[in-house]
Protein backbone atom coordinates (compact mmCIF):
# COMPACT_ATOMS: atom_id res chain seq x y z
CA UNK A 1 51.97 15.77 -33.52
CA UNK A 2 54.81 17.64 -35.33
CA UNK A 3 57.33 15.25 -33.83
CA UNK A 4 55.27 12.26 -35.02
CA UNK A 5 55.09 13.60 -38.57
CA UNK A 6 58.87 14.10 -38.66
CA UNK A 7 59.65 10.72 -37.11
CA UNK A 8 57.32 8.28 -38.91
CA UNK A 9 58.53 8.81 -42.52
CA UNK A 10 62.08 7.84 -41.54
CA UNK A 11 61.27 5.11 -39.03
CA UNK A 12 61.63 1.45 -39.90
CA UNK A 13 58.78 -1.06 -39.75
CA UNK A 14 59.73 -2.40 -36.30
CA UNK A 15 60.12 1.12 -34.96
CA UNK A 16 56.68 2.01 -36.24
CA UNK A 17 55.17 -1.09 -34.59
CA UNK A 18 56.80 -0.18 -31.28
CA UNK A 19 55.63 3.40 -31.62
CA UNK A 20 52.01 2.46 -32.28
CA UNK A 21 52.04 -0.06 -29.42
CA UNK A 22 53.27 2.65 -27.04
CA UNK A 23 50.61 5.03 -28.32
CA UNK A 24 47.91 2.37 -27.80
CA UNK A 25 49.09 1.66 -24.24
CA UNK A 26 49.08 5.35 -23.41
CA UNK A 27 45.54 5.69 -24.81
CA UNK A 28 44.28 2.63 -22.90
CA UNK A 29 45.86 3.79 -19.63
CA UNK A 30 44.25 7.19 -20.09
CA UNK A 31 40.84 5.54 -20.55
CA UNK A 32 41.41 3.30 -17.51
CA UNK A 33 42.30 6.35 -15.43
CA UNK A 34 39.09 8.06 -16.55
CA UNK A 35 37.06 4.96 -15.61
CA UNK A 36 38.77 4.72 -12.22
CA UNK A 37 38.19 8.41 -11.65
CA UNK A 38 34.47 8.03 -12.44
CA UNK A 39 34.21 5.00 -10.12
CA UNK A 40 36.00 6.88 -7.34
CA UNK A 41 33.67 9.85 -7.74
CA UNK A 42 30.65 7.53 -7.63
CA UNK A 43 31.89 5.77 -4.47
CA UNK A 44 32.58 9.11 -2.77
CA UNK A 45 29.10 10.32 -3.70
CA UNK A 46 27.50 7.18 -2.18
CA UNK A 47 29.52 7.54 1.03
CA UNK A 48 28.63 11.23 1.29
CA UNK A 49 24.92 10.53 0.75
CA UNK A 50 24.94 7.74 3.37
CA UNK A 51 26.61 9.80 6.05
CA UNK A 52 24.49 12.84 5.19
CA UNK A 53 21.37 10.74 5.79
CA UNK A 54 22.68 9.47 9.13
CA UNK A 55 23.70 12.95 10.28
CA UNK A 56 20.38 14.40 9.16
CA UNK A 57 18.40 11.72 11.01
CA UNK A 58 20.40 12.27 14.23
CA UNK A 59 20.44 16.05 14.12
CA UNK A 60 18.18 17.80 16.64
CA UNK A 61 17.92 20.86 14.38
CA UNK A 62 16.58 19.18 11.22
CA UNK A 63 12.80 19.19 10.93
CA UNK A 64 11.24 15.81 10.09
CA UNK A 65 7.48 16.20 10.64
CA UNK A 66 4.53 18.36 9.68
CA UNK A 67 3.52 18.72 13.33
CA UNK A 68 4.40 21.98 15.03
CA UNK A 69 6.71 22.09 18.07
CA UNK A 70 3.70 23.03 20.19
CA UNK A 71 1.75 19.98 19.00
CA UNK A 72 4.67 17.67 19.73
CA UNK A 73 5.16 19.23 23.17
CA UNK A 74 1.49 18.68 23.99
CA UNK A 75 1.62 15.09 22.76
CA UNK A 76 4.65 14.30 24.92
CA UNK A 77 3.08 15.97 27.97
CA UNK A 78 -0.15 14.01 27.49
CA UNK A 79 1.66 10.72 26.67
CA UNK A 80 -0.03 10.40 23.28
CA UNK A 81 2.65 10.10 20.64
CA UNK A 82 4.05 7.77 17.98
CA UNK A 83 7.70 7.00 17.29
CA UNK A 84 8.43 5.94 13.69
CA UNK A 85 11.94 4.61 12.98
CA UNK A 86 13.83 5.46 9.81
CA UNK A 87 17.25 3.94 10.57
CA UNK A 88 18.46 1.07 12.75
CA UNK A 89 21.92 0.56 14.28
CA UNK A 90 22.54 -2.95 15.65
CA UNK A 91 25.48 -3.57 17.97
CA UNK A 92 26.70 -6.16 15.47
CA UNK A 93 26.43 -5.70 11.74
CA UNK A 94 25.80 -2.73 9.53
CA UNK A 95 23.28 0.03 9.98
CA UNK A 96 20.38 0.14 7.56
CA UNK A 97 17.34 2.16 6.57
CA UNK A 98 13.92 0.91 7.60
CA UNK A 99 11.01 0.46 5.24
CA UNK A 100 7.66 -0.66 6.53
CA UNK A 101 4.96 0.15 9.04
CA UNK A 102 7.16 -0.09 12.14
CA UNK A 103 6.39 2.10 15.14
CA UNK A 104 6.12 2.52 18.89
CA UNK A 105 2.75 3.92 19.97
CA UNK A 106 2.28 5.46 23.41
CA UNK A 107 -1.37 6.09 24.22
CA UNK A 108 -2.07 7.11 27.81
CA UNK A 109 -0.87 4.08 29.72
CA UNK A 110 -0.65 1.60 26.83
CA UNK A 111 2.42 0.93 24.70
CA UNK A 112 2.44 -0.98 21.43
CA UNK A 113 5.87 -1.89 20.05
CA UNK A 114 6.44 -3.18 16.56
CA UNK A 115 10.08 -2.81 15.49
CA UNK A 116 12.55 -4.91 13.50
CA UNK A 117 15.38 -6.62 15.35
CA UNK A 118 18.90 -7.38 14.16
CA UNK A 119 21.33 -8.71 16.71
CA UNK A 120 22.82 -11.55 18.67
CA UNK A 121 20.99 -13.90 21.04
CA UNK A 122 22.67 -14.92 24.30
CA UNK A 123 21.89 -17.73 26.74
CA UNK A 124 18.28 -17.89 27.84
CA UNK A 125 16.82 -17.60 24.35
CA UNK A 126 15.16 -20.77 23.08
CA UNK A 127 17.22 -22.68 20.51
CA UNK A 128 16.12 -21.86 16.98
CA UNK A 129 13.75 -19.16 18.19
CA UNK A 130 12.75 -16.79 15.40
CA UNK A 131 10.36 -14.70 17.47
CA UNK A 132 10.78 -10.95 17.17
CA UNK A 133 11.54 -9.63 20.70
CA UNK A 134 10.38 -6.14 19.67
CA UNK A 135 6.81 -7.06 18.83
CA UNK A 136 4.70 -6.71 21.98
CA UNK A 137 2.11 -4.68 23.90
CA UNK A 138 2.12 -3.68 27.54
CA UNK A 139 0.08 -1.73 30.05
CA UNK A 140 2.25 -2.70 33.01
CA UNK A 141 5.42 -0.62 32.92
CA UNK A 142 7.35 2.04 34.80
CA UNK A 143 8.19 5.39 33.26
CA UNK A 144 10.74 8.08 33.99
CA UNK A 145 10.25 11.30 32.03
CA UNK A 146 12.42 14.38 32.24
CA UNK A 147 12.87 17.50 30.15
CA UNK A 148 16.54 18.15 29.35
CA UNK A 149 15.89 21.40 27.51
CA UNK A 150 12.88 23.37 26.32
CA UNK A 151 12.84 21.30 23.13
CA UNK A 152 14.13 17.92 24.36
CA UNK A 153 12.80 15.10 26.56
CA UNK A 154 14.31 11.92 27.94
CA UNK A 155 11.83 9.09 28.57
CA UNK A 156 12.80 5.70 30.01
CA UNK A 157 10.21 2.91 29.86
CA UNK A 158 10.68 -0.45 31.60
CA UNK A 159 8.07 -3.15 30.94
CA UNK A 160 7.12 -5.19 34.02
CA UNK A 161 5.17 -7.90 32.23
CA UNK A 162 7.53 -8.47 29.30
CA UNK A 163 10.93 -9.86 30.25
CA UNK A 164 12.53 -9.73 26.79
CA UNK A 165 13.08 -5.98 27.09
CA UNK A 166 14.77 -4.35 30.08
CA UNK A 167 14.43 -0.72 29.06
CA UNK A 168 13.52 1.60 26.21
CA UNK A 169 15.30 4.95 26.30
CA UNK A 170 13.71 7.64 24.14
CA UNK A 171 15.16 11.05 23.34
CA UNK A 172 12.47 13.21 21.75
CA UNK A 173 12.84 16.65 20.17
CA UNK A 174 10.13 19.24 19.57
CA UNK A 175 11.12 19.47 15.88
CA UNK A 176 10.09 15.83 15.38
CA UNK A 177 13.46 14.08 15.58
CA UNK A 178 13.73 11.12 17.94
CA UNK A 179 16.20 8.46 19.08
CA UNK A 180 15.52 5.13 20.79
CA UNK A 181 18.01 2.86 22.56
CA UNK A 182 16.72 -0.55 23.66
CA UNK A 183 18.39 -2.83 26.19
CA UNK A 184 17.25 -6.44 25.96
CA UNK A 185 17.61 -9.24 28.53
CA UNK A 186 19.05 -12.08 26.46
CA UNK A 187 20.02 -10.30 23.25
CA UNK A 188 22.38 -7.55 22.13
CA UNK A 189 21.08 -4.00 22.32
CA UNK A 190 19.88 -1.96 19.39
CA UNK A 191 19.43 1.71 18.49
CA UNK A 192 16.89 3.46 16.26
CA UNK A 193 16.64 6.97 14.90
CA UNK A 194 13.47 8.40 13.42
CA UNK A 195 10.68 10.87 14.15
CA UNK A 196 8.03 11.49 16.77
CA UNK A 197 4.55 12.77 16.01
CA UNK A 198 1.31 13.32 17.93
CA UNK A 199 -0.95 10.28 17.97
CA UNK A 200 -3.42 10.30 15.03
CA UNK A 201 -1.57 13.22 13.44
């Protein structure tokens, strides 16, 4: 400021115009940098929140249900549980959060599947078909169930009377977290993360 006060009284008109133009450019660039900084901070915050949500949903240590580990263990042992998806990961396209009453219900020999599908159809699918391949019920299926750890189960279900789906691979945790990978016959596969709870909990 002292330099400005000493310079301006002796500067000519053109010099003053140049000086004020330079000052204006410096001020505008400073504001633009502040705006860009705010935008960058906002973008970083969105990215952090997105990945935090994905990591949280996939983590076996994060608790996602009001049911106790004992209740979930009993529900898995008795084959009476409900899988509710919260995120979906298609093989093609972006992942997304799920809103709605989607679920997979396993009730002692009967499975009801109602899930969204995003993916690619291969040969064998009717032209222009808009049917959801993950909306079905079955009582004719094979099941392989194994306990990987004290708090983790792997369950593979293969419908015999529904040819759209080859297999449904569940990974269930006693804290309520759950993953589901589905292999389809004539469409690209899809993955879900969410929670598992006792039926009618």
